[in-house]
């Protein structure tokens, strides 16, 4: 990978080497206008079909000459040093005059050279040049299109949050990995994550009514076998029982919640396991209804009311 720099005065492009830039603190001389500039400030990667010219490096404190950097064409070199002028010889004096005390020629003290700028590693310089445009973009005011995109993203997030709140029970049951996150979010929002009510996924496989005691025909027992066809846990449904007469007209109706028809061995909050089958039994006293038949359906159990 070749690096190039550009003269800020005549805009001429030069090919340079990182070792030469670091050895002379980046100080180079343009081969066309002889302008001295910092090669690190305009450093870039050479593009294809780029035309570069020769450039001369300024001498540092340890070197007295200047090394030439070759371009794409033939190599060129620059002269390094200039000789210091010698003082002219003193004019002759008369014989009777006192000859001045001869002193060696004093050489003029060289002017103090400006302190070379601190050398910066090439990697640090490249990182700075890459981070500068990014910093400008971050500090730049957002455009109307950027504000519209941000608003759409905010509305989409709000829609997803509402959907997650509305279907939190189904998401927690279908994806157990989300249960902890949904439970934590509901603890902050004041809601709860319960099992989903899906009576359409629970079927009545069999049901029957028979008398418990022949001496008391008003006492009957209803048995039903329920089967879940879901692949995840479901909340227990409620039983909607309708007693009918011989003409199938409704005589009485009652809804039994899970706490009423489950026995002591089952926890209503645990729900129906996936693809499980359970059997329930209800002891009923029909009184003087003289019921001849019944209808049994499954509905979603009502939410339990908070006690005062």
C-alpha atoms as a PDB file:
ATOM      1  CA  UNK A   1       0.000   0.000   0.000  1.00  0.00           C
ATOM      2  CA  UNK A   2       1.503   3.388  -1.101  1.00  0.00           C
ATOM      3  CA  UNK A   3       0.820   6.700   0.638  1.00  0.00           C
ATOM      4  CA  UNK A   4       0.593  10.085  -1.013  1.00  0.00           C
ATOM      5  CA  UNK A   5       0.492  13.658   0.266  1.00  0.00           C
ATOM      6  CA  UNK A   6      -0.484  16.908  -1.431  1.00  0.00           C
ATOM      7  CA  UNK A   7       1.220  20.297  -1.386  1.00  0.00           C
ATOM      8  CA  UNK A   8      -1.219  22.872   0.067  1.00  0.00           C
ATOM      9  CA  UNK A   9       0.173  25.651  -2.152  1.00  0.00           C
ATOM     10  CA  UNK A  10       0.338  24.182  -5.687  1.00  0.00           C
ATOM     11  CA  UNK A  11      -1.859  21.100  -5.046  1.00  0.00           C
ATOM     12  CA  UNK A  12       0.768  18.744  -6.461  1.00  0.00           C
ATOM     13  CA  UNK A  13       0.447  15.085  -5.435  1.00  0.00           C
ATOM     14  CA  UNK A  14       3.558  13.251  -4.133  1.00  0.00           C
ATOM     15  CA  UNK A  15       4.279   9.652  -3.195  1.00  0.00           C
ATOM     16  CA  UNK A  16       5.921   9.256   0.243  1.00  0.00           C
ATOM     17  CA  UNK A  17       7.075   6.455   2.533  1.00  0.00           C
ATOM     18  CA  UNK A  18       5.974   6.210   6.176  1.00  0.00           C
ATOM     19  CA  UNK A  19       9.554   5.635   7.418  1.00  0.00           C
ATOM     20  CA  UNK A  20      10.765   8.831   5.759  1.00  0.00           C
ATOM     21  CA  UNK A  21       7.880  10.868   7.163  1.00  0.00           C
ATOM     22  CA  UNK A  22       8.486   9.638  10.699  1.00  0.00           C
ATOM     23  CA  UNK A  23      12.251  10.164  10.450  1.00  0.00           C
ATOM     24  CA  UNK A  24      11.767  13.894   9.603  1.00  0.00           C
ATOM     25  CA  UNK A  25       8.632  14.619  11.635  1.00  0.00           C
ATOM     26  CA  UNK A  26       6.647  14.893   8.399  1.00  0.00           C
ATOM     27  CA  UNK A  27       8.420  18.051   7.110  1.00  0.00           C
ATOM     28  CA  UNK A  28       8.738  17.841   3.298  1.00  0.00           C
ATOM     29  CA  UNK A  29       9.543  20.336   0.502  1.00  0.00           C
ATOM     30  CA  UNK A  30       7.498  20.540  -2.675  1.00  0.00           C
ATOM     31  CA  UNK A  31       9.510  19.713  -5.815  1.00  0.00           C
ATOM     32  CA  UNK A  32       7.642  22.339  -7.880  1.00  0.00           C
ATOM     33  CA  UNK A  33       7.039  25.401  -5.737  1.00  0.00           C
ATOM     34  CA  UNK A  34       9.675  24.569  -3.060  1.00  0.00           C
ATOM     35  CA  UNK A  35       7.077  25.092  -0.301  1.00  0.00           C
ATOM     36  CA  UNK A  36       7.769  23.322   3.006  1.00  0.00           C
ATOM     37  CA  UNK A  37       4.690  21.685   4.555  1.00  0.00           C
ATOM     38  CA  UNK A  38       3.618  18.924   6.984  1.00  0.00           C
ATOM     39  CA  UNK A  39       3.149  15.713   5.001  1.00  0.00           C
ATOM     40  CA  UNK A  40       0.998  14.128   7.743  1.00  0.00           C
ATOM     41  CA  UNK A  41      -1.845  16.652   7.336  1.00  0.00           C
ATOM     42  CA  UNK A  42      -2.667  15.654   3.756  1.00  0.00           C
ATOM     43  CA  UNK A  43      -1.703  11.975   4.038  1.00  0.00           C
ATOM     44  CA  UNK A  44      -3.900   9.554   2.089  1.00  0.00           C
ATOM     45  CA  UNK A  45      -3.804   6.188   0.337  1.00  0.00           C
ATOM     46  CA  UNK A  46      -2.683   6.304  -3.292  1.00  0.00           C
ATOM     47  CA  UNK A  47      -5.517   5.714  -5.741  1.00  0.00           C
ATOM     48  CA  UNK A  48      -5.245   3.877  -9.034  1.00  0.00           C
ATOM     49  CA  UNK A  49      -3.948   5.894 -12.030  1.00  0.00           C
ATOM     50  CA  UNK A  50      -2.781   8.702  -9.698  1.00  0.00           C
ATOM     51  CA  UNK A  51       0.111  10.882 -10.939  1.00  0.00           C
ATOM     52  CA  UNK A  52       2.637  11.902  -8.278  1.00  0.00           C
ATOM     53  CA  UNK A  53       5.708  14.167  -8.420  1.00  0.00           C
ATOM     54  CA  UNK A  54       8.967  14.091  -6.477  1.00  0.00           C
ATOM     55  CA  UNK A  55       9.166  15.697  -3.066  1.00  0.00           C
ATOM     56  CA  UNK A  56      12.162  16.687  -0.882  1.00  0.00           C
ATOM     57  CA  UNK A  57      12.283  16.049   2.872  1.00  0.00           C
ATOM     58  CA  UNK A  58      13.506  18.808   5.158  1.00  0.00           C
ATOM     59  CA  UNK A  59      16.639  17.919   7.201  1.00  0.00           C
ATOM     60  CA  UNK A  60      16.144  17.211  10.886  1.00  0.00           C
ATOM     61  CA  UNK A  61      18.494  18.199  13.700  1.00  0.00           C
ATOM     62  CA  UNK A  62      20.740  15.181  13.227  1.00  0.00           C
ATOM     63  CA  UNK A  63      21.007  15.255   9.405  1.00  0.00           C
ATOM     64  CA  UNK A  64      22.664  18.042   7.451  1.00  0.00           C
ATOM     65  CA  UNK A  65      21.352  17.161   3.988  1.00  0.00           C
ATOM     66  CA  UNK A  66      17.984  16.414   2.457  1.00  0.00           C
ATOM     67  CA  UNK A  67      17.045  13.043   0.958  1.00  0.00           C
ATOM     68  CA  UNK A  68      15.005  12.968  -2.208  1.00  0.00           C
ATOM     69  CA  UNK A  69      11.884  10.806  -2.511  1.00  0.00           C
ATOM     70  CA  UNK A  70      11.355   9.188  -5.887  1.00  0.00           C
ATOM     71  CA  UNK A  71       8.032   9.588  -7.728  1.00  0.00           C
ATOM     72  CA  UNK A  72       6.397   7.468 -10.334  1.00  0.00           C
ATOM     73  CA  UNK A  73       8.903   8.549 -12.994  1.00  0.00           C
ATOM     74  CA  UNK A  74      12.691   8.628 -12.860  1.00  0.00           C
ATOM     75  CA  UNK A  75      14.456   9.368  -9.529  1.00  0.00           C
ATOM     76  CA  UNK A  76      15.382  12.970  -8.738  1.00  0.00           C
ATOM     77  CA  UNK A  77      17.640  14.396  -6.012  1.00  0.00           C
ATOM     78  CA  UNK A  78      18.054  17.803  -4.404  1.00  0.00           C
ATOM     79  CA  UNK A  79      21.220  19.474  -3.247  1.00  0.00           C
ATOM     80  CA  UNK A  80      21.647  19.143   0.515  1.00  0.00           C
ATOM     81  CA  UNK A  81      23.831  21.807   2.063  1.00  0.00           C
ATOM     82  CA  UNK A  82      25.127  25.254   1.411  1.00  0.00           C
ATOM     83  CA  UNK A  83      28.654  26.324   2.242  1.00  0.00           C
ATOM     84  CA  UNK A  84      29.077  29.112   4.777  1.00  0.00           C
ATOM     85  CA  UNK A  85      30.761  32.282   3.247  1.00  0.00           C
ATOM     86  CA  UNK A  86      34.200  33.131   4.426  1.00  0.00           C
ATOM     87  CA  UNK A  87      35.152  36.582   5.600  1.00  0.00           C
ATOM     88  CA  UNK A  88      37.222  38.723   3.136  1.00  0.00           C
ATOM     89  CA  UNK A  89      40.920  39.295   3.852  1.00  0.00           C
ATOM     90  CA  UNK A  90      41.800  42.398   5.948  1.00  0.00           C
ATOM     91  CA  UNK A  91      43.416  45.332   4.006  1.00  0.00           C
ATOM     92  CA  UNK A  92      47.156  45.998   4.410  1.00  0.00           C
ATOM     93  CA  UNK A  93      48.277  48.569   7.052  1.00  0.00           C
ATOM     94  CA  UNK A  94      51.259  51.003   6.921  1.00  0.00           C
ATOM     95  CA  UNK A  95      54.563  49.842   8.355  1.00  0.00           C
ATOM     96  CA  UNK A  96      54.684  52.503  11.042  1.00  0.00           C
ATOM     97  CA  UNK A  97      51.192  51.842  12.182  1.00  0.00           C
ATOM     98  CA  UNK A  98      50.512  49.421  14.934  1.00  0.00           C
ATOM     99  CA  UNK A  99      49.395  46.153  13.626  1.00  0.00           C
ATOM    100  CA  UNK A 100      46.176  45.051  15.205  1.00  0.00           C
ATOM    101  CA  UNK A 101      46.173  41.895  17.151  1.00  0.00           C
ATOM    102  CA  UNK A 102      45.283  39.114  14.783  1.00  0.00           C
ATOM    103  CA  UNK A 103      42.314  36.993  15.720  1.00  0.00           C
ATOM    104  CA  UNK A 104      40.967  33.967  14.022  1.00  0.00           C
ATOM    105  CA  UNK A 105      38.027  34.452  11.760  1.00  0.00           C
ATOM    106  CA  UNK A 106      34.796  34.149  13.739  1.00  0.00           C
ATOM    107  CA  UNK A 107      32.159  32.105  12.107  1.00  0.00           C
ATOM    108  CA  UNK A 108      28.610  33.433  12.346  1.00  0.00           C
ATOM    109  CA  UNK A 109      26.468  31.538  14.787  1.00  0.00           C
ATOM    110  CA  UNK A 110      23.700  29.696  13.040  1.00  0.00           C
ATOM    111  CA  UNK A 111      20.228  30.854  13.752  1.00  0.00           C
ATOM    112  CA  UNK A 112      18.255  28.710  16.114  1.00  0.00           C
ATOM    113  CA  UNK A 113      16.241  26.235  14.179  1.00  0.00           C
ATOM    114  CA  UNK A 114      12.544  25.960  15.058  1.00  0.00           C
ATOM    115  CA  UNK A 115      11.716  23.021  17.256  1.00  0.00           C
ATOM    116  CA  UNK A 116      10.532  20.101  15.221  1.00  0.00           C
ATOM    117  CA  UNK A 117       6.965  19.073  15.947  1.00  0.00           C
ATOM    118  CA  UNK A 118       6.577  15.894  17.980  1.00  0.00           C
ATOM    119  CA  UNK A 119       6.467  12.787  15.875  1.00  0.00           C
ATOM    120  CA  UNK A 120       3.122  11.072  15.819  1.00  0.00           C
ATOM    121  CA  UNK A 121       2.838   7.380  14.999  1.00  0.00           C
ATOM    122  CA  UNK A 122       1.333   6.683  11.615  1.00  0.00           C
ATOM    123  CA  UNK A 123      -1.339   4.456  13.130  1.00  0.00           C
ATOM    124  CA  UNK A 124      -2.440   7.198  15.543  1.00  0.00           C
ATOM    125  CA  UNK A 125      -2.556   9.731  12.723  1.00  0.00           C
ATOM    126  CA  UNK A 126      -4.672   7.415  10.558  1.00  0.00           C
ATOM    127  CA  UNK A 127      -7.070   6.775  13.475  1.00  0.00           C
ATOM    128  CA  UNK A 128      -7.430  10.517  14.011  1.00  0.00           C
ATOM    129  CA  UNK A 129      -8.171  11.124  10.323  1.00  0.00           C
ATOM    130  CA  UNK A 130     -10.810   8.382  10.337  1.00  0.00           C
ATOM    131  CA  UNK A 131     -12.464   9.514  13.587  1.00  0.00           C
ATOM    132  CA  UNK A 132     -12.729  13.171  12.574  1.00  0.00           C
ATOM    133  CA  UNK A 133     -15.477  12.684   9.911  1.00  0.00           C
ATOM    134  CA  UNK A 134     -17.397  10.385  12.260  1.00  0.00           C
ATOM    135  CA  UNK A 135     -17.256  12.975  15.034  1.00  0.00           C
ATOM    136  CA  UNK A 136     -18.531  15.622  12.620  1.00  0.00           C
ATOM    137  CA  UNK A 137     -21.453  13.404  11.605  1.00  0.00           C
ATOM    138  CA  UNK A 138     -22.398  12.777  15.241  1.00  0.00           C
ATOM    139  CA  UNK A 139     -22.323  16.483  16.088  1.00  0.00           C
ATOM    140  CA  UNK A 140     -24.227  17.443  12.961  1.00  0.00           C
ATOM    141  CA  UNK A 141     -27.897  18.354  13.403  1.00  0.00           C
ATOM    142  CA  UNK A 142     -30.239  15.605  12.170  1.00  0.00           C
ATOM    143  CA  UNK A 143     -31.895  16.120   8.815  1.00  0.00           C
ATOM    144  CA  UNK A 144     -35.697  15.979   8.405  1.00  0.00           C
ATOM    145  CA  UNK A 145     -35.379  12.507   6.894  1.00  0.00           C
ATOM    146  CA  UNK A 146     -33.341  11.329   9.879  1.00  0.00           C
ATOM    147  CA  UNK A 147     -35.992  12.700  12.243  1.00  0.00           C
ATOM    148  CA  UNK A 148     -38.715  10.880  10.320  1.00  0.00           C
ATOM    149  CA  UNK A 149     -36.766   7.608  10.534  1.00  0.00           C
ATOM    150  CA  UNK A 150     -36.269   8.091  14.274  1.00  0.00           C
ATOM    151  CA  UNK A 151     -39.987   8.800  14.756  1.00  0.00           C
ATOM    152  CA  UNK A 152     -40.957   5.689  12.775  1.00  0.00           C
ATOM    153  CA  UNK A 153     -38.564   3.574  14.840  1.00  0.00           C
ATOM    154  CA  UNK A 154     -40.073   4.967  18.059  1.00  0.00           C
ATOM    155  CA  UNK A 155     -43.620   4.226  16.887  1.00  0.00           C
ATOM    156  CA  UNK A 156     -42.618   0.699  15.853  1.00  0.00           C
ATOM    157  CA  UNK A 157     -41.096   0.110  19.292  1.00  0.00           C
ATOM    158  CA  UNK A 158     -44.280   1.366  20.958  1.00  0.00           C
ATOM    159  CA  UNK A 159     -46.387  -0.960  18.774  1.00  0.00           C
ATOM    160  CA  UNK A 160     -44.217  -3.960  19.640  1.00  0.00           C
ATOM    161  CA  UNK A 161     -44.442  -3.072  23.350  1.00  0.00           C
ATOM    162  CA  UNK A 162     -48.249  -2.888  23.176  1.00  0.00           C
ATOM    163  CA  UNK A 163     -48.461  -6.219  21.364  1.00  0.00           C
ATOM    164  CA  UNK A 164     -46.151  -7.827  23.930  1.00  0.00           C
ATOM    165  CA  UNK A 165     -48.347  -6.473  26.738  1.00  0.00           C
ATOM    166  CA  UNK A 166     -51.584  -7.669  25.131  1.00  0.00           C
ATOM    167  CA  UNK A 167     -50.264 -11.167  24.311  1.00  0.00           C
ATOM    168  CA  UNK A 168     -47.881 -11.558  27.250  1.00  0.00           C
ATOM    169  CA  UNK A 169     -49.565 -14.761  28.438  1.00  0.00           C
ATOM    170  CA  UNK A 170     -49.377 -16.435  25.029  1.00  0.00           C
ATOM    171  CA  UNK A 171     -45.746 -15.351  24.539  1.00  0.00           C
ATOM    172  CA  UNK A 172     -44.710 -16.599  27.978  1.00  0.00           C
ATOM    173  CA  UNK A 173     -46.414 -19.968  27.408  1.00  0.00           C
ATOM    174  CA  UNK A 174     -45.156 -20.494  23.852  1.00  0.00           C
ATOM    175  CA  UNK A 175     -41.625 -19.152  24.466  1.00  0.00           C
ATOM    176  CA  UNK A 176     -40.515 -19.989  28.019  1.00  0.00           C
ATOM    177  CA  UNK A 177     -37.271 -18.039  27.563  1.00  0.00           C
ATOM    178  CA  UNK A 178     -39.359 -14.821  27.524  1.00  0.00           C
ATOM    179  CA  UNK A 179     -41.217 -15.602  30.741  1.00  0.00           C
ATOM    180  CA  UNK A 180     -38.549 -14.129  33.015  1.00  0.00           C
ATOM    181  CA  UNK A 181     -38.307 -10.909  30.999  1.00  0.00           C
ATOM    182  CA  UNK A 182     -42.089 -10.519  30.766  1.00  0.00           C
ATOM    183  CA  UNK A 183     -42.529 -11.230  34.461  1.00  0.00           C
ATOM    184  CA  UNK A 184     -39.905  -8.630  35.362  1.00  0.00           C
ATOM    185  CA  UNK A 185     -41.524  -6.053  33.069  1.00  0.00           C
ATOM    186  CA  UNK A 186     -44.983  -6.766  34.506  1.00  0.00           C
ATOM    187  CA  UNK A 187     -43.692  -6.394  38.049  1.00  0.00           C
ATOM    188  CA  UNK A 188     -42.715  -2.828  37.143  1.00  0.00           C
ATOM    189  CA  UNK A 189     -45.907  -2.104  35.191  1.00  0.00           C
ATOM    190  CA  UNK A 190     -48.228  -3.591  37.816  1.00  0.00           C
ATOM    191  CA  UNK A 191     -49.559  -6.451  35.671  1.00  0.00           C
ATOM    192  CA  UNK A 192     -49.198 -10.230  35.858  1.00  0.00           C
ATOM    193  CA  UNK A 193     -48.253 -13.013  33.458  1.00  0.00           C
ATOM    194  CA  UNK A 194     -50.767 -15.845  33.654  1.00  0.00           C
ATOM    195  CA  UNK A 195     -51.373 -18.897  31.524  1.00  0.00           C
ATOM    196  CA  UNK A 196     -53.278 -18.252  28.284  1.00  0.00           C
ATOM    197  CA  UNK A 197     -56.986 -19.002  28.136  1.00  0.00           C
ATOM    198  CA  UNK A 198     -57.527 -21.121  25.010  1.00  0.00           C
ATOM    199  CA  UNK A 199     -60.689 -23.216  25.495  1.00  0.00           C
ATOM    200  CA  UNK A 200     -60.717 -23.856  21.740  1.00  0.00           C
ATOM    201  CA  UNK A 201     -57.582 -26.003  22.188  1.00  0.00           C
ATOM    202  CA  UNK A 202     -59.228 -28.150  24.911  1.00  0.00           C
ATOM    203  CA  UNK A 203     -61.822 -30.711  23.812  1.00  0.00           C
ATOM    204  CA  UNK A 204     -64.386 -32.750  25.723  1.00  0.00           C
ATOM    205  CA  UNK A 205     -63.548 -36.340  24.830  1.00  0.00           C
ATOM    206  CA  UNK A 206     -66.403 -37.886  26.853  1.00  0.00           C
ATOM    207  CA  UNK A 207     -69.100 -36.792  29.352  1.00  0.00           C
ATOM    208  CA  UNK A 208     -71.801 -38.601  31.335  1.00  0.00           C
ATOM    209  CA  UNK A 209     -74.372 -38.052  34.086  1.00  0.00           C
ATOM    210  CA  UNK A 210     -75.522 -40.739  36.537  1.00  0.00           C
ATOM    211  CA  UNK A 211     -77.302 -40.872  39.874  1.00  0.00           C
ATOM    212  CA  UNK A 212     -75.215 -41.094  43.005  1.00  0.00           C
ATOM    213  CA  UNK A 213     -77.941 -42.668  45.170  1.00  0.00           C
ATOM    214  CA  UNK A 214     -80.999 -44.453  43.807  1.00  0.00           C
ATOM    215  CA  UNK A 215     -82.964 -43.404  46.914  1.00  0.00           C
ATOM    216  CA  UNK A 216     -82.252 -39.759  46.111  1.00  0.00           C
ATOM    217  CA  UNK A 217     -82.686 -39.259  42.356  1.00  0.00           C
ATOM    218  CA  UNK A 218     -82.069 -35.528  42.615  1.00  0.00           C
ATOM    219  CA  UNK A 219     -78.387 -36.164  43.441  1.00  0.00           C
ATOM    220  CA  UNK A 220     -76.396 -36.712  40.241  1.00  0.00           C
ATOM    221  CA  UNK A 221     -72.734 -36.786  39.311  1.00  0.00           C
ATOM    222  CA  UNK A 222     -71.356 -35.256  36.112  1.00  0.00           C
ATOM    223  CA  UNK A 223     -68.063 -36.680  34.784  1.00  0.00           C
ATOM    224  CA  UNK A 224     -66.131 -35.341  31.817  1.00  0.00           C
ATOM    225  CA  UNK A 225     -62.797 -36.152  30.179  1.00  0.00           C
ATOM    226  CA  UNK A 226     -60.889 -33.127  28.886  1.00  0.00           C
ATOM    227  CA  UNK A 227     -57.917 -33.296  26.544  1.00  0.00           C
ATOM    228  CA  UNK A 228     -55.483 -30.511  25.595  1.00  0.00           C
ATOM    229  CA  UNK A 229     -54.262 -30.302  22.006  1.00  0.00           C
ATOM    230  CA  UNK A 230     -51.810 -27.456  22.627  1.00  0.00           C
ATOM    231  CA  UNK A 231     -48.030 -27.790  22.649  1.00  0.00           C
ATOM    232  CA  UNK A 232     -47.703 -25.549  25.712  1.00  0.00           C
ATOM    233  CA  UNK A 233     -49.380 -25.106  29.086  1.00  0.00           C
ATOM    234  CA  UNK A 234     -52.933 -23.757  29.085  1.00  0.00           C
ATOM    235  CA  UNK A 235     -55.086 -22.337  31.829  1.00  0.00           C
ATOM    236  CA  UNK A 236     -57.954 -24.546  32.982  1.00  0.00           C
ATOM    237  CA  UNK A 237     -61.197 -23.567  31.235  1.00  0.00           C
ATOM    238  CA  UNK A 238     -64.525 -23.036  32.924  1.00  0.00           C
ATOM    239  CA  UNK A 239     -67.371 -25.583  32.559  1.00  0.00           C
ATOM    240  CA  UNK A 240     -70.658 -24.193  31.216  1.00  0.00           C
ATOM    241  CA  UNK A 241     -73.371 -26.673  32.304  1.00  0.00           C
ATOM    242  CA  UNK A 242     -76.998 -26.410  31.104  1.00  0.00           C
ATOM    243  CA  UNK A 243     -79.680 -28.817  32.400  1.00  0.00           C
ATOM    244  CA  UNK A 244     -82.519 -29.538  29.961  1.00  0.00           C
ATOM    245  CA  UNK A 245     -85.879 -31.293  30.070  1.00  0.00           C
ATOM    246  CA  UNK A 246     -87.144 -33.998  27.758  1.00  0.00           C
ATOM    247  CA  UNK A 247     -87.761 -31.419  25.019  1.00  0.00           C
ATOM    248  CA  UNK A 248     -84.180 -30.110  25.357  1.00  0.00           C
ATOM    249  CA  UNK A 249     -85.366 -26.833  26.768  1.00  0.00           C
ATOM    250  CA  UNK A 250     -82.992 -25.226  29.230  1.00  0.00           C
ATOM    251  CA  UNK A 251     -84.051 -25.551  32.846  1.00  0.00           C
ATOM    252  CA  UNK A 252     -80.980 -24.220  34.650  1.00  0.00           C
ATOM    253  CA  UNK A 253     -77.488 -23.037  33.839  1.00  0.00           C
ATOM    254  CA  UNK A 254     -74.320 -22.647  35.893  1.00  0.00           C
ATOM    255  CA  UNK A 255     -70.646 -21.954  35.191  1.00  0.00           C
ATOM    256  CA  UNK A 256     -68.075 -23.855  37.238  1.00  0.00           C
ATOM    257  CA  UNK A 257     -64.600 -22.332  37.590  1.00  0.00           C
ATOM    258  CA  UNK A 258     -61.496 -24.578  37.914  1.00  0.00           C
ATOM    259  CA  UNK A 259     -61.391 -24.157  41.713  1.00  0.00           C
ATOM    260  CA  UNK A 260     -64.857 -25.783  41.903  1.00  0.00           C
ATOM    261  CA  UNK A 261     -64.459 -28.822  39.682  1.00  0.00           C
ATOM    262  CA  UNK A 262     -60.799 -29.769  40.295  1.00  0.00           C
ATOM    263  CA  UNK A 263     -59.920 -32.122  43.115  1.00  0.00           C
ATOM    264  CA  UNK A 264     -57.302 -31.445  45.767  1.00  0.00           C
ATOM    265  CA  UNK A 265     -54.538 -33.168  43.800  1.00  0.00           C
ATOM    266  CA  UNK A 266     -54.538 -30.524  41.036  1.00  0.00           C
ATOM    267  CA  UNK A 267     -53.368 -26.930  41.254  1.00  0.00           C
ATOM    268  CA  UNK A 268     -55.583 -24.563  39.226  1.00  0.00           C
ATOM    269  CA  UNK A 269     -52.666 -22.170  38.697  1.00  0.00           C
ATOM    270  CA  UNK A 270     -50.445 -24.892  37.211  1.00  0.00           C
ATOM    271  CA  UNK A 271     -52.626 -25.224  34.122  1.00  0.00           C
ATOM    272  CA  UNK A 272     -53.244 -28.096  31.769  1.00  0.00           C
ATOM    273  CA  UNK A 273     -49.979 -29.741  30.635  1.00  0.00           C
ATOM    274  CA  UNK A 274     -49.323 -29.974  26.879  1.00  0.00           C
ATOM    275  CA  UNK A 275     -51.389 -32.702  25.171  1.00  0.00           C
ATOM    276  CA  UNK A 276     -52.565 -34.006  28.549  1.00  0.00           C
ATOM    277  CA  UNK A 277     -55.872 -35.643  29.442  1.00  0.00           C
ATOM    278  CA  UNK A 278     -57.737 -35.008  32.716  1.00  0.00           C
ATOM    279  CA  UNK A 279     -61.008 -36.284  34.176  1.00  0.00           C
ATOM    280  CA  UNK A 280     -63.277 -34.091  36.298  1.00  0.00           C
ATOM    281  CA  UNK A 281     -66.317 -35.015  38.424  1.00  0.00           C
ATOM    282  CA  UNK A 282     -69.092 -32.785  39.782  1.00  0.00           C
ATOM    283  CA  UNK A 283     -71.717 -33.763  42.390  1.00  0.00           C
ATOM    284  CA  UNK A 284     -74.958 -31.854  41.767  1.00  0.00           C
ATOM    285  CA  UNK A 285     -78.330 -31.558  43.501  1.00  0.00           C
ATOM    286  CA  UNK A 286     -80.974 -30.785  40.849  1.00  0.00           C
ATOM    287  CA  UNK A 287     -83.832 -30.376  43.327  1.00  0.00           C
ATOM    288  CA  UNK A 288     -87.252 -30.365  41.694  1.00  0.00           C
ATOM    289  CA  UNK A 289     -86.036 -29.488  38.199  1.00  0.00           C
ATOM    290  CA  UNK A 290     -86.651 -33.012  36.894  1.00  0.00           C
ATOM    291  CA  UNK A 291     -83.791 -32.626  34.425  1.00  0.00           C
ATOM    292  CA  UNK A 292     -83.707 -35.179  31.637  1.00  0.00           C
ATOM    293  CA  UNK A 293     -80.528 -34.087  29.843  1.00  0.00           C
ATOM    294  CA  UNK A 294     -77.629 -31.653  29.856  1.00  0.00           C
ATOM    295  CA  UNK A 295     -75.268 -29.656  27.635  1.00  0.00           C
ATOM    296  CA  UNK A 296     -71.641 -29.094  28.572  1.00  0.00           C
ATOM    297  CA  UNK A 297     -69.345 -26.550  26.967  1.00  0.00           C
ATOM    298  CA  UNK A 298     -65.917 -25.096  27.717  1.00  0.00           C
ATOM    299  CA  UNK A 299     -65.423 -21.351  28.022  1.00  0.00           C
ATOM    300  CA  UNK A 300     -62.609 -19.095  29.229  1.00  0.00           C
ATOM    301  CA  UNK A 301     -62.502 -18.910  32.986  1.00  0.00           C
ATOM    302  CA  UNK A 302     -63.159 -15.429  34.383  1.00  0.00           C
ATOM    303  CA  UNK A 303     -60.262 -13.655  36.027  1.00  0.00           C
ATOM    304  CA  UNK A 304     -60.289 -13.975  39.817  1.00  0.00           C
ATOM    305  CA  UNK A 305     -61.409 -10.827  41.567  1.00  0.00           C
ATOM    306  CA  UNK A 306     -59.084  -9.254  44.091  1.00  0.00           C
ATOM    307  CA  UNK A 307     -60.407  -9.497  47.604  1.00  0.00           C
ATOM    308  CA  UNK A 308     -60.794  -6.251  49.597  1.00  0.00           C
END
